[in-house]
N, C-alpha and C. Protein backbone atom coordinates (compact mmCIF):
# COMPACT_ATOMS: atom_id res chain seq x y z
N UNK A 1 33.56 61.26 -79.93
CA UNK A 1 34.89 61.84 -80.12
C UNK A 1 35.21 62.73 -78.92
N UNK A 2 36.34 62.49 -78.31
CA UNK A 2 36.74 63.25 -77.12
C UNK A 2 37.32 64.59 -77.52
N UNK A 3 36.79 65.67 -76.90
CA UNK A 3 37.31 67.00 -77.21
C UNK A 3 38.50 67.31 -76.31
N UNK A 4 39.46 67.93 -76.87
CA UNK A 4 40.66 68.31 -76.13
C UNK A 4 40.73 69.83 -76.09
N UNK A 5 40.88 70.37 -74.88
CA UNK A 5 40.94 71.84 -74.75
C UNK A 5 42.20 72.38 -75.43
N UNK A 6 42.01 73.37 -76.25
CA UNK A 6 43.13 73.96 -76.95
C UNK A 6 44.02 74.71 -75.98
N UNK A 7 45.33 74.46 -75.99
CA UNK A 7 46.23 75.16 -75.05
C UNK A 7 46.26 76.66 -75.33
N UNK A 8 46.49 77.40 -74.28
CA UNK A 8 46.54 78.86 -74.42
C UNK A 8 47.71 79.25 -75.30
N UNK A 9 47.50 80.21 -76.15
CA UNK A 9 48.56 80.70 -77.02
C UNK A 9 49.48 81.61 -76.23
N UNK A 10 50.72 81.81 -76.71
CA UNK A 10 51.69 82.64 -75.98
C UNK A 10 51.15 84.03 -75.65
N UNK A 11 50.48 84.66 -76.62
CA UNK A 11 49.94 86.00 -76.38
C UNK A 11 48.90 86.01 -75.29
N UNK A 12 48.06 84.94 -75.26
CA UNK A 12 47.03 84.84 -74.23
C UNK A 12 47.65 84.62 -72.85
N UNK A 13 48.71 83.81 -72.81
CA UNK A 13 49.38 83.56 -71.52
C UNK A 13 49.99 84.86 -70.98
N UNK A 14 50.55 85.66 -71.87
CA UNK A 14 51.14 86.93 -71.45
C UNK A 14 50.07 87.86 -70.91
N UNK A 15 48.92 87.91 -71.61
CA UNK A 15 47.83 88.76 -71.14
C UNK A 15 47.28 88.27 -69.81
N UNK A 16 47.16 86.96 -69.66
CA UNK A 16 46.67 86.41 -68.39
C UNK A 16 47.64 86.73 -67.26
N UNK A 17 48.92 86.62 -67.53
CA UNK A 17 49.92 86.93 -66.50
C UNK A 17 49.86 88.40 -66.13
N UNK A 18 49.69 89.27 -67.11
CA UNK A 18 49.60 90.71 -66.85
C UNK A 18 48.37 91.02 -66.02
N UNK A 19 47.24 90.39 -66.35
CA UNK A 19 46.02 90.60 -65.58
C UNK A 19 46.17 90.12 -64.15
N UNK A 20 46.80 88.98 -63.98
CA UNK A 20 47.01 88.43 -62.65
C UNK A 20 47.89 89.35 -61.81
N UNK A 21 48.97 89.83 -62.41
CA UNK A 21 49.86 90.74 -61.68
C UNK A 21 49.16 92.04 -61.32
N UNK A 22 48.35 92.54 -62.24
CA UNK A 22 47.61 93.77 -61.96
C UNK A 22 46.62 93.56 -60.82
N UNK A 23 45.97 92.40 -60.81
CA UNK A 23 45.02 92.09 -59.73
C UNK A 23 45.75 91.99 -58.40
N UNK A 24 46.91 91.34 -58.40
CA UNK A 24 47.70 91.23 -57.17
C UNK A 24 48.08 92.62 -56.67
N UNK A 25 48.52 93.48 -57.57
CA UNK A 25 48.92 94.83 -57.16
C UNK A 25 47.73 95.63 -56.63
N UNK A 26 46.55 95.44 -57.23
CA UNK A 26 45.35 96.13 -56.74
C UNK A 26 45.06 95.74 -55.30
N UNK A 27 45.05 94.45 -55.05
CA UNK A 27 44.72 93.95 -53.71
C UNK A 27 45.84 94.28 -52.73
N UNK A 28 47.09 94.16 -53.18
CA UNK A 28 48.23 94.45 -52.30
C UNK A 28 48.23 95.92 -51.90
N UNK A 29 47.86 96.80 -52.84
CA UNK A 29 47.77 98.23 -52.52
C UNK A 29 46.78 98.45 -51.38
N UNK A 30 45.62 97.83 -51.47
CA UNK A 30 44.60 97.97 -50.43
C UNK A 30 45.08 97.40 -49.10
N UNK A 31 45.74 96.25 -49.15
CA UNK A 31 46.17 95.58 -47.93
C UNK A 31 47.30 96.33 -47.23
N UNK A 32 48.29 96.78 -48.00
CA UNK A 32 49.39 97.55 -47.39
C UNK A 32 48.88 98.89 -46.85
N UNK A 33 47.97 99.52 -47.57
CA UNK A 33 47.42 100.79 -47.10
C UNK A 33 46.60 100.59 -45.84
N UNK A 34 45.93 99.47 -45.74
CA UNK A 34 45.08 99.20 -44.57
C UNK A 34 45.89 98.79 -43.34
N UNK A 35 46.83 97.88 -43.55
CA UNK A 35 47.52 97.26 -42.42
C UNK A 35 48.96 97.72 -42.23
N UNK A 36 49.48 98.51 -43.17
CA UNK A 36 50.88 98.89 -43.09
C UNK A 36 51.77 97.79 -43.63
N UNK A 37 53.06 98.10 -43.76
CA UNK A 37 53.98 97.10 -44.31
C UNK A 37 54.11 95.91 -43.36
N UNK A 38 54.30 96.18 -42.08
CA UNK A 38 54.50 95.10 -41.12
C UNK A 38 53.24 94.28 -40.91
N UNK A 39 52.09 94.93 -40.95
CA UNK A 39 50.84 94.23 -40.67
C UNK A 39 50.26 93.48 -41.86
N UNK A 40 50.64 93.85 -43.06
CA UNK A 40 50.10 93.20 -44.25
C UNK A 40 50.61 91.76 -44.35
N UNK A 41 49.75 90.88 -44.85
CA UNK A 41 50.10 89.46 -44.98
C UNK A 41 49.91 89.02 -46.42
N UNK A 42 50.93 88.35 -46.94
CA UNK A 42 50.86 87.84 -48.32
C UNK A 42 49.75 86.79 -48.42
N UNK A 43 49.53 86.03 -47.35
CA UNK A 43 48.45 85.03 -47.35
C UNK A 43 47.10 85.71 -47.57
N UNK A 44 46.90 86.85 -46.95
CA UNK A 44 45.64 87.58 -47.09
C UNK A 44 45.49 88.12 -48.51
N UNK A 45 46.58 88.60 -49.07
CA UNK A 45 46.54 89.11 -50.45
C UNK A 45 46.20 87.98 -51.41
N UNK A 46 46.82 86.82 -51.20
CA UNK A 46 46.54 85.66 -52.06
C UNK A 46 45.09 85.21 -51.93
N UNK A 47 44.56 85.23 -50.73
CA UNK A 47 43.19 84.79 -50.49
C UNK A 47 42.18 85.68 -51.20
N UNK A 48 42.54 86.93 -51.42
CA UNK A 48 41.62 87.89 -52.04
C UNK A 48 41.83 88.01 -53.56
N UNK A 49 42.72 87.21 -54.09
CA UNK A 49 42.97 87.21 -55.54
C UNK A 49 42.75 85.82 -56.09
N UNK A 50 42.75 85.73 -57.41
CA UNK A 50 42.56 84.43 -58.05
C UNK A 50 43.91 83.77 -58.30
N UNK A 51 44.73 83.75 -57.27
CA UNK A 51 46.06 83.15 -57.42
C UNK A 51 46.49 82.57 -56.08
N UNK A 52 47.74 82.19 -55.97
CA UNK A 52 48.25 81.58 -54.75
C UNK A 52 49.44 82.37 -54.23
N UNK A 53 49.77 82.11 -52.98
CA UNK A 53 50.94 82.75 -52.37
C UNK A 53 52.20 82.41 -53.17
N UNK A 54 52.27 81.17 -53.64
CA UNK A 54 53.43 80.74 -54.42
C UNK A 54 53.57 81.56 -55.69
N UNK A 55 52.43 81.86 -56.35
CA UNK A 55 52.48 82.63 -57.58
C UNK A 55 52.83 84.10 -57.31
N UNK A 56 52.41 84.61 -56.17
CA UNK A 56 52.80 85.98 -55.81
C UNK A 56 54.31 86.06 -55.67
N UNK A 57 54.89 85.07 -55.00
CA UNK A 57 56.35 85.05 -54.87
C UNK A 57 57.03 84.85 -56.22
N UNK A 58 56.38 84.07 -57.09
CA UNK A 58 56.93 83.84 -58.43
C UNK A 58 56.99 85.16 -59.21
N UNK A 59 55.91 85.93 -59.16
CA UNK A 59 55.85 87.17 -59.92
C UNK A 59 56.68 88.29 -59.30
N UNK A 60 56.69 88.36 -57.98
CA UNK A 60 57.28 89.54 -57.33
C UNK A 60 58.49 89.24 -56.45
N UNK A 61 58.73 88.01 -56.08
CA UNK A 61 59.92 87.65 -55.33
C UNK A 61 59.73 87.58 -53.83
N UNK A 62 58.80 88.32 -53.27
CA UNK A 62 58.58 88.33 -51.84
C UNK A 62 57.80 89.55 -51.41
N UNK A 63 57.51 89.62 -50.14
CA UNK A 63 56.70 90.72 -49.60
C UNK A 63 57.37 92.08 -49.81
N UNK A 64 58.66 92.15 -49.58
CA UNK A 64 59.38 93.42 -49.73
C UNK A 64 59.33 93.89 -51.18
N UNK A 65 59.58 92.99 -52.12
CA UNK A 65 59.55 93.36 -53.53
C UNK A 65 58.13 93.71 -53.98
N UNK A 66 57.13 93.04 -53.39
CA UNK A 66 55.75 93.35 -53.72
C UNK A 66 55.39 94.75 -53.26
N UNK A 67 55.81 95.11 -52.06
CA UNK A 67 55.54 96.47 -51.57
C UNK A 67 56.23 97.51 -52.44
N UNK A 68 57.46 97.21 -52.86
CA UNK A 68 58.17 98.13 -53.75
C UNK A 68 57.42 98.30 -55.07
N UNK A 69 56.91 97.21 -55.60
CA UNK A 69 56.14 97.27 -56.85
C UNK A 69 54.86 98.08 -56.67
N UNK A 70 54.24 97.96 -55.50
CA UNK A 70 53.04 98.75 -55.20
C UNK A 70 53.40 100.24 -55.19
N UNK A 71 54.51 100.58 -54.56
CA UNK A 71 54.95 101.97 -54.51
C UNK A 71 55.28 102.49 -55.91
N UNK A 72 55.96 101.68 -56.70
CA UNK A 72 56.34 102.09 -58.05
C UNK A 72 55.11 102.40 -58.89
N UNK A 73 54.11 101.56 -58.78
CA UNK A 73 52.90 101.81 -59.57
C UNK A 73 52.15 103.03 -59.04
N UNK A 74 52.10 103.19 -57.72
CA UNK A 74 51.37 104.32 -57.13
C UNK A 74 52.00 105.65 -57.53
N UNK A 75 53.33 105.73 -57.47
CA UNK A 75 54.01 106.95 -57.89
C UNK A 75 53.90 107.15 -59.40
N UNK A 76 53.87 106.06 -60.13
CA UNK A 76 53.77 106.16 -61.57
C UNK A 76 52.47 106.81 -62.03
N UNK A 77 51.40 106.60 -61.28
CA UNK A 77 50.09 107.16 -61.66
C UNK A 77 50.14 108.68 -61.62
N UNK A 78 50.65 109.26 -60.55
CA UNK A 78 50.71 110.72 -60.44
C UNK A 78 51.72 111.31 -61.41
N UNK A 79 52.83 110.63 -61.62
CA UNK A 79 53.82 111.15 -62.56
C UNK A 79 53.29 111.13 -63.99
N UNK A 80 52.53 110.10 -64.34
CA UNK A 80 51.96 110.04 -65.69
C UNK A 80 50.96 111.18 -65.88
N UNK A 81 50.15 111.45 -64.85
CA UNK A 81 49.18 112.55 -64.94
C UNK A 81 49.89 113.88 -65.14
N UNK A 82 51.02 114.07 -64.45
CA UNK A 82 51.79 115.31 -64.59
C UNK A 82 52.40 115.43 -65.97
N UNK A 83 52.92 114.31 -66.49
CA UNK A 83 53.56 114.34 -67.81
C UNK A 83 52.54 114.59 -68.92
N UNK A 84 51.33 114.11 -68.75
CA UNK A 84 50.30 114.27 -69.78
C UNK A 84 49.61 115.62 -69.69
N UNK A 85 49.95 116.40 -68.69
CA UNK A 85 49.33 117.71 -68.52
C UNK A 85 49.70 118.62 -69.69
N UNK A 86 48.70 119.11 -70.37
CA UNK A 86 48.91 119.99 -71.52
C UNK A 86 48.77 121.44 -71.07
N UNK A 87 49.91 122.09 -70.83
CA UNK A 87 49.87 123.47 -70.36
C UNK A 87 50.64 124.41 -71.30
N UNK A 88 51.09 123.88 -72.43
CA UNK A 88 51.91 124.68 -73.33
C UNK A 88 51.14 125.89 -73.88
N UNK A 89 49.82 125.76 -73.99
CA UNK A 89 49.01 126.84 -74.54
C UNK A 89 48.59 127.85 -73.47
N UNK A 90 48.94 127.58 -72.21
CA UNK A 90 48.52 128.45 -71.11
C UNK A 90 49.63 129.42 -70.73
N UNK A 91 49.24 130.56 -70.19
CA UNK A 91 50.27 131.45 -69.66
C UNK A 91 50.82 130.83 -68.39
N UNK A 92 52.02 131.24 -67.93
CA UNK A 92 52.66 130.58 -66.78
C UNK A 92 51.81 130.56 -65.51
N UNK A 93 51.05 131.61 -65.26
CA UNK A 93 50.21 131.65 -64.06
C UNK A 93 49.14 130.57 -64.13
N UNK A 94 48.46 130.49 -65.26
CA UNK A 94 47.42 129.47 -65.43
C UNK A 94 48.03 128.06 -65.45
N UNK A 95 49.23 127.93 -66.01
CA UNK A 95 49.88 126.62 -66.10
C UNK A 95 50.25 126.09 -64.73
N UNK A 96 50.82 126.94 -63.88
CA UNK A 96 51.24 126.48 -62.56
C UNK A 96 50.02 126.20 -61.69
N UNK A 97 48.96 126.98 -61.89
CA UNK A 97 47.71 126.71 -61.16
C UNK A 97 47.14 125.35 -61.59
N UNK A 98 47.20 125.06 -62.88
CA UNK A 98 46.68 123.78 -63.38
C UNK A 98 47.50 122.62 -62.83
N UNK A 99 48.80 122.78 -62.76
CA UNK A 99 49.66 121.74 -62.20
C UNK A 99 49.30 121.48 -60.75
N UNK A 100 49.09 122.53 -59.98
CA UNK A 100 48.70 122.38 -58.58
C UNK A 100 47.36 121.67 -58.46
N UNK A 101 46.45 121.97 -59.36
CA UNK A 101 45.13 121.34 -59.33
C UNK A 101 45.21 119.85 -59.64
N UNK A 102 46.12 119.47 -60.53
CA UNK A 102 46.30 118.05 -60.85
C UNK A 102 46.75 117.28 -59.61
N UNK A 103 47.70 117.85 -58.86
CA UNK A 103 48.16 117.21 -57.63
C UNK A 103 47.03 117.16 -56.60
N UNK A 104 46.30 118.25 -56.46
CA UNK A 104 45.16 118.32 -55.54
C UNK A 104 44.15 117.21 -55.85
N UNK A 105 43.78 117.09 -57.12
CA UNK A 105 42.78 116.10 -57.53
C UNK A 105 43.29 114.68 -57.31
N UNK A 106 44.54 114.44 -57.69
CA UNK A 106 45.10 113.10 -57.55
C UNK A 106 45.12 112.66 -56.10
N UNK A 107 45.62 113.48 -55.21
CA UNK A 107 45.74 113.08 -53.81
C UNK A 107 44.38 112.84 -53.18
N UNK A 108 43.41 113.63 -53.56
CA UNK A 108 42.05 113.44 -53.05
C UNK A 108 41.46 112.12 -53.55
N UNK A 109 41.73 111.78 -54.80
CA UNK A 109 41.15 110.59 -55.42
C UNK A 109 41.91 109.31 -55.07
N UNK A 110 43.12 109.44 -54.51
CA UNK A 110 43.93 108.25 -54.21
C UNK A 110 44.39 108.27 -52.75
N UNK A 111 43.46 108.11 -51.82
CA UNK A 111 43.86 108.10 -50.40
C UNK A 111 44.81 106.97 -50.05
N UNK A 112 44.74 105.85 -50.79
CA UNK A 112 45.70 104.76 -50.53
C UNK A 112 47.12 105.21 -50.82
N UNK A 113 47.31 106.07 -51.83
CA UNK A 113 48.64 106.59 -52.13
C UNK A 113 49.18 107.38 -50.94
N UNK A 114 48.34 108.18 -50.32
CA UNK A 114 48.76 108.97 -49.15
C UNK A 114 49.17 108.04 -48.02
N UNK A 115 48.40 107.00 -47.79
CA UNK A 115 48.74 106.07 -46.71
C UNK A 115 50.03 105.31 -47.02
N UNK A 116 50.21 104.92 -48.27
CA UNK A 116 51.43 104.19 -48.65
C UNK A 116 52.67 105.06 -48.46
N UNK A 117 52.58 106.33 -48.84
CA UNK A 117 53.72 107.23 -48.66
C UNK A 117 54.01 107.44 -47.19
N UNK A 118 52.97 107.56 -46.38
CA UNK A 118 53.15 107.70 -44.93
C UNK A 118 53.84 106.47 -44.35
N UNK A 119 53.42 105.31 -44.79
CA UNK A 119 54.02 104.05 -44.33
C UNK A 119 55.48 103.98 -44.74
N UNK A 120 55.78 104.36 -45.97
CA UNK A 120 57.16 104.32 -46.44
C UNK A 120 58.04 105.29 -45.67
N UNK A 121 57.49 106.41 -45.26
CA UNK A 121 58.26 107.35 -44.43
C UNK A 121 58.56 106.75 -43.06
N UNK A 122 57.63 106.01 -42.51
CA UNK A 122 57.87 105.32 -41.24
C UNK A 122 59.05 104.38 -41.37
N UNK A 123 59.20 103.80 -42.54
CA UNK A 123 60.29 102.85 -42.79
C UNK A 123 61.52 103.52 -43.39
N UNK A 124 61.60 104.83 -43.27
CA UNK A 124 62.80 105.54 -43.70
C UNK A 124 63.04 105.55 -45.19
N UNK A 125 61.98 105.37 -45.98
CA UNK A 125 62.07 105.36 -47.45
C UNK A 125 63.03 104.29 -47.96
N UNK A 126 63.16 103.19 -47.22
CA UNK A 126 64.15 102.17 -47.61
C UNK A 126 63.78 101.47 -48.91
N UNK A 127 62.49 101.33 -49.19
CA UNK A 127 62.09 100.67 -50.43
C UNK A 127 62.29 101.59 -51.63
N UNK A 128 61.99 102.87 -51.44
CA UNK A 128 62.21 103.83 -52.52
C UNK A 128 63.70 103.96 -52.81
N UNK A 129 64.51 104.02 -51.76
CA UNK A 129 65.95 104.17 -51.94
C UNK A 129 66.55 102.98 -52.70
N UNK A 130 65.95 101.82 -52.53
CA UNK A 130 66.48 100.61 -53.16
C UNK A 130 65.92 100.37 -54.56
N UNK A 131 64.94 101.18 -54.96
CA UNK A 131 64.30 100.98 -56.26
C UNK A 131 64.92 101.88 -57.32
N UNK A 132 65.45 101.25 -58.35
CA UNK A 132 66.04 102.01 -59.45
C UNK A 132 64.97 102.81 -60.18
N UNK A 133 63.78 102.23 -60.33
CA UNK A 133 62.69 102.91 -61.03
C UNK A 133 62.24 104.15 -60.26
N UNK A 134 62.06 104.03 -58.96
CA UNK A 134 61.61 105.17 -58.16
C UNK A 134 62.68 106.24 -58.04
N UNK A 135 63.94 105.85 -58.18
CA UNK A 135 65.01 106.83 -58.13
C UNK A 135 64.98 107.79 -59.31
N UNK A 136 64.33 107.38 -60.41
CA UNK A 136 64.27 108.21 -61.61
C UNK A 136 62.90 108.85 -61.84
N UNK A 137 61.92 108.45 -61.05
CA UNK A 137 60.54 108.82 -61.38
C UNK A 137 60.23 110.28 -61.10
N UNK A 138 61.03 110.95 -60.27
CA UNK A 138 60.75 112.34 -59.94
C UNK A 138 61.14 113.34 -61.01
N UNK A 139 62.07 112.98 -61.85
CA UNK A 139 62.61 113.93 -62.82
C UNK A 139 61.59 114.50 -63.80
N UNK A 140 60.70 113.70 -64.41
CA UNK A 140 59.73 114.27 -65.36
C UNK A 140 58.84 115.33 -64.73
N UNK A 141 58.40 115.12 -63.50
CA UNK A 141 57.54 116.10 -62.83
C UNK A 141 58.27 117.41 -62.65
N UNK A 142 59.52 117.35 -62.26
CA UNK A 142 60.29 118.56 -62.05
C UNK A 142 60.57 119.28 -63.36
N UNK A 143 60.71 118.52 -64.44
CA UNK A 143 60.93 119.15 -65.75
C UNK A 143 59.74 120.02 -66.14
N UNK A 144 58.52 119.55 -65.86
CA UNK A 144 57.33 120.34 -66.16
C UNK A 144 57.34 121.63 -65.36
N UNK A 145 57.65 121.53 -64.07
CA UNK A 145 57.68 122.72 -63.21
C UNK A 145 58.77 123.68 -63.68
N UNK A 146 59.94 123.16 -64.02
CA UNK A 146 61.05 124.03 -64.45
C UNK A 146 60.67 124.81 -65.71
N UNK A 147 60.00 124.17 -66.64
CA UNK A 147 59.61 124.86 -67.87
C UNK A 147 58.63 125.98 -67.58
N UNK A 148 57.67 125.72 -66.71
CA UNK A 148 56.69 126.75 -66.36
C UNK A 148 57.36 127.90 -65.63
N UNK A 149 58.24 127.56 -64.69
CA UNK A 149 58.93 128.61 -63.93
C UNK A 149 59.80 129.46 -64.85
N UNK A 150 60.52 128.83 -65.76
CA UNK A 150 61.38 129.57 -66.68
C UNK A 150 60.56 130.51 -67.55
N UNK A 151 59.42 130.04 -68.04
CA UNK A 151 58.56 130.87 -68.87
C UNK A 151 58.02 132.06 -68.07
N UNK A 152 57.63 131.81 -66.83
CA UNK A 152 57.11 132.88 -65.99
C UNK A 152 58.14 133.92 -65.64
N UNK A 153 59.37 133.48 -65.42
CA UNK A 153 60.43 134.43 -65.09
C UNK A 153 60.86 135.24 -66.30
N UNK A 154 60.90 134.58 -67.46
CA UNK A 154 61.28 135.29 -68.69
C UNK A 154 60.24 136.36 -69.07
N UNK A 155 58.99 136.07 -68.80
CA UNK A 155 57.92 137.01 -69.14
C UNK A 155 57.74 138.09 -68.08
N UNK A 156 58.39 137.92 -66.94
CA UNK A 156 58.26 138.88 -65.87
C UNK A 156 57.06 138.67 -64.97
N UNK A 157 56.28 137.60 -65.22
CA UNK A 157 55.11 137.32 -64.38
C UNK A 157 55.52 136.79 -63.01
N UNK A 158 56.60 135.99 -62.97
CA UNK A 158 57.09 135.44 -61.71
C UNK A 158 58.29 136.26 -61.25
N UNK A 159 58.18 136.82 -60.08
CA UNK A 159 59.28 137.63 -59.53
C UNK A 159 60.24 136.81 -58.69
N UNK A 160 59.79 135.67 -58.23
CA UNK A 160 60.61 134.85 -57.34
C UNK A 160 61.53 133.93 -58.12
N UNK A 161 62.76 133.80 -57.65
CA UNK A 161 63.71 132.84 -58.21
C UNK A 161 63.53 131.54 -57.43
N UNK A 162 62.56 130.77 -57.85
CA UNK A 162 62.12 129.61 -57.08
C UNK A 162 62.72 128.33 -57.64
N UNK A 163 63.16 127.48 -56.74
CA UNK A 163 63.66 126.16 -57.11
C UNK A 163 62.48 125.23 -57.36
N UNK A 164 62.56 124.43 -58.41
CA UNK A 164 61.46 123.55 -58.78
C UNK A 164 61.13 122.54 -57.67
N UNK A 165 62.15 122.04 -57.00
CA UNK A 165 61.91 121.07 -55.92
C UNK A 165 61.17 121.74 -54.77
N UNK A 166 61.54 122.99 -54.45
CA UNK A 166 60.86 123.72 -53.38
C UNK A 166 59.38 123.92 -53.72
N UNK A 167 59.12 124.28 -54.96
CA UNK A 167 57.73 124.51 -55.36
C UNK A 167 56.94 123.20 -55.34
N UNK A 168 57.57 122.14 -55.79
CA UNK A 168 56.93 120.82 -55.75
C UNK A 168 56.58 120.45 -54.30
N UNK A 169 57.49 120.71 -53.39
CA UNK A 169 57.25 120.42 -51.97
C UNK A 169 56.10 121.27 -51.43
N UNK A 170 56.04 122.51 -51.83
CA UNK A 170 54.99 123.42 -51.39
C UNK A 170 53.61 122.91 -51.82
N UNK A 171 53.48 122.53 -53.07
CA UNK A 171 52.21 122.03 -53.59
C UNK A 171 51.85 120.69 -52.96
N UNK A 172 52.82 119.79 -52.92
CA UNK A 172 52.56 118.45 -52.40
C UNK A 172 52.18 118.46 -50.93
N UNK A 173 52.85 119.31 -50.15
CA UNK A 173 52.59 119.32 -48.71
C UNK A 173 51.15 119.73 -48.41
N UNK A 174 50.64 120.72 -49.11
CA UNK A 174 49.26 121.15 -48.93
C UNK A 174 48.30 120.03 -49.29
N UNK A 175 48.49 119.43 -50.46
CA UNK A 175 47.59 118.39 -50.94
C UNK A 175 47.67 117.13 -50.06
N UNK A 176 48.88 116.80 -49.62
CA UNK A 176 49.08 115.62 -48.80
C UNK A 176 48.43 115.80 -47.43
N UNK A 177 48.69 116.94 -46.79
CA UNK A 177 48.16 117.21 -45.46
C UNK A 177 46.64 117.14 -45.46
N UNK A 178 46.02 117.68 -46.49
CA UNK A 178 44.56 117.73 -46.56
C UNK A 178 43.96 116.33 -46.45
N UNK A 179 44.62 115.33 -47.02
CA UNK A 179 44.10 113.96 -46.98
C UNK A 179 44.63 113.21 -45.76
N UNK A 180 45.94 113.28 -45.52
CA UNK A 180 46.55 112.48 -44.45
C UNK A 180 46.10 112.91 -43.06
N UNK A 181 45.85 114.20 -42.87
CA UNK A 181 45.51 114.72 -41.55
C UNK A 181 44.03 115.07 -41.42
N UNK A 182 43.24 114.55 -42.30
CA UNK A 182 41.82 114.89 -42.29
C UNK A 182 41.17 114.62 -40.93
N UNK A 183 41.41 113.45 -40.38
CA UNK A 183 40.71 113.06 -39.15
C UNK A 183 41.23 113.80 -37.92
N UNK A 184 42.55 113.91 -37.80
CA UNK A 184 43.07 114.63 -36.64
C UNK A 184 42.72 116.11 -36.71
N UNK A 185 42.79 116.69 -37.90
CA UNK A 185 42.45 118.10 -38.07
C UNK A 185 40.97 118.33 -37.73
N UNK A 186 40.14 117.41 -38.17
CA UNK A 186 38.72 117.52 -37.88
C UNK A 186 38.42 117.40 -36.40
N UNK A 187 39.12 116.48 -35.72
CA UNK A 187 38.90 116.30 -34.29
C UNK A 187 39.35 117.52 -33.49
N UNK A 188 40.42 118.18 -33.94
CA UNK A 188 40.97 119.33 -33.22
C UNK A 188 40.23 120.62 -33.53
N UNK A 189 39.82 120.79 -34.78
CA UNK A 189 39.29 122.08 -35.19
C UNK A 189 37.84 122.02 -35.69
N UNK A 190 37.28 120.82 -35.72
CA UNK A 190 35.89 120.70 -36.13
C UNK A 190 35.63 121.02 -37.58
N UNK A 191 36.63 120.81 -38.42
CA UNK A 191 36.48 121.11 -39.85
C UNK A 191 37.00 119.94 -40.68
N UNK A 192 36.16 119.47 -41.59
CA UNK A 192 36.52 118.37 -42.46
C UNK A 192 37.17 118.93 -43.72
N UNK A 193 38.47 118.67 -43.87
CA UNK A 193 39.21 119.18 -45.02
C UNK A 193 38.76 118.56 -46.34
N UNK A 194 38.02 117.45 -46.27
CA UNK A 194 37.51 116.81 -47.49
C UNK A 194 36.01 117.02 -47.65
N UNK A 195 35.46 117.98 -46.95
CA UNK A 195 34.06 118.32 -47.10
C UNK A 195 33.80 118.76 -48.55
N UNK A 196 32.92 118.04 -49.27
CA UNK A 196 32.66 118.40 -50.68
C UNK A 196 32.22 119.85 -50.86
N UNK A 197 31.53 120.39 -49.88
CA UNK A 197 31.06 121.77 -49.99
C UNK A 197 32.20 122.77 -49.96
N UNK A 198 33.36 122.36 -49.43
CA UNK A 198 34.51 123.25 -49.32
C UNK A 198 35.60 122.93 -50.34
N UNK A 199 35.35 121.93 -51.19
CA UNK A 199 36.39 121.47 -52.10
C UNK A 199 36.88 122.58 -53.03
N UNK A 200 35.96 123.27 -53.67
CA UNK A 200 36.35 124.35 -54.60
C UNK A 200 37.13 125.44 -53.88
N UNK A 201 36.74 125.72 -52.65
CA UNK A 201 37.44 126.73 -51.85
C UNK A 201 38.89 126.33 -51.62
N UNK A 202 39.11 125.09 -51.18
CA UNK A 202 40.48 124.64 -50.90
C UNK A 202 41.32 124.52 -52.17
N UNK A 203 40.68 124.10 -53.25
CA UNK A 203 41.39 123.95 -54.53
C UNK A 203 41.84 125.31 -55.05
N UNK A 204 40.96 126.30 -54.93
CA UNK A 204 41.31 127.66 -55.34
C UNK A 204 42.37 128.25 -54.42
N UNK A 205 42.24 127.97 -53.13
CA UNK A 205 43.19 128.51 -52.16
C UNK A 205 44.61 128.02 -52.43
N UNK A 206 44.74 126.77 -52.84
CA UNK A 206 46.06 126.23 -53.18
C UNK A 206 46.68 127.03 -54.33
N UNK A 207 45.92 127.20 -55.40
CA UNK A 207 46.44 127.97 -56.54
C UNK A 207 46.78 129.40 -56.15
N UNK A 208 45.91 130.03 -55.36
CA UNK A 208 46.16 131.41 -54.93
C UNK A 208 47.46 131.50 -54.12
N UNK A 209 47.67 130.53 -53.24
CA UNK A 209 48.85 130.53 -52.39
C UNK A 209 50.13 130.41 -53.22
N UNK A 210 50.12 129.50 -54.18
CA UNK A 210 51.30 129.28 -55.02
C UNK A 210 51.58 130.51 -55.89
N UNK A 211 50.54 131.05 -56.52
CA UNK A 211 50.72 132.21 -57.38
C UNK A 211 51.18 133.43 -56.57
N UNK A 212 50.62 133.59 -55.38
CA UNK A 212 51.03 134.72 -54.52
C UNK A 212 52.52 134.62 -54.19
N UNK A 213 52.99 133.42 -53.94
CA UNK A 213 54.41 133.22 -53.64
C UNK A 213 55.29 133.53 -54.84
N UNK A 214 54.83 133.12 -56.02
CA UNK A 214 55.64 133.30 -57.23
C UNK A 214 55.64 134.74 -57.73
N UNK A 215 54.64 135.52 -57.35
CA UNK A 215 54.53 136.88 -57.87
C UNK A 215 54.72 137.96 -56.81
N UNK A 216 55.10 137.55 -55.60
CA UNK A 216 55.27 138.53 -54.52
C UNK A 216 56.49 139.42 -54.74
N UNK A 217 56.39 140.63 -54.25
CA UNK A 217 57.53 141.54 -54.30
C UNK A 217 58.64 140.99 -53.41
N UNK A 218 59.87 141.03 -53.90
CA UNK A 218 61.00 140.51 -53.15
C UNK A 218 61.89 141.65 -52.69
N UNK A 219 62.35 141.60 -51.45
CA UNK A 219 63.28 142.59 -50.93
C UNK A 219 64.67 142.00 -50.94
N UNK A 220 65.67 142.82 -51.16
CA UNK A 220 67.05 142.34 -51.19
C UNK A 220 67.48 141.88 -49.82
N UNK A 221 68.28 140.82 -49.77
CA UNK A 221 68.79 140.31 -48.49
C UNK A 221 69.83 141.26 -47.90
């Protein structure tokens, strides 16, 4: 009696498609981070996955859309970590320090994210500007910062009338520079910003810097 392979059920096909897309995004993230947008090749991404170039185009539409999807997922990871941050039980000083630490840890653990953002800046943020999803992804992070800032100002702990976007830029710039400029900084100053022995020092320094800014005495203009 000849056996006939049972066709995949709809749920299984959906799961297989999701796994395939996730694998493509994993490899595409590595390839774009390594070679840049212009240097990355869809053929190379296909060769390193269990799929074909045709299927990559089927799922994502093309190289430009694939890069946008890579960016959307990369930004989504840090935004999800920020949204899941439980700081409601902390006082505003501890809460803002914890938020800064989350960004510090994420950027250190995701060097490909730093490279992808650098590449997108070279291209004038054209993919982010064209993405409806990325256009909305910043709001949740700022909401967390605004709540902490409002609580700190109401309690009198924060003396500065700080804009949430400015504070986000302050935290992000420190964390980003530490990873993106590691090699040039090391070559110029002989210090590795990612030296494990100095990690706690830099992590604490970030929190101290942010808290000092938020609690500093202000003079009238």
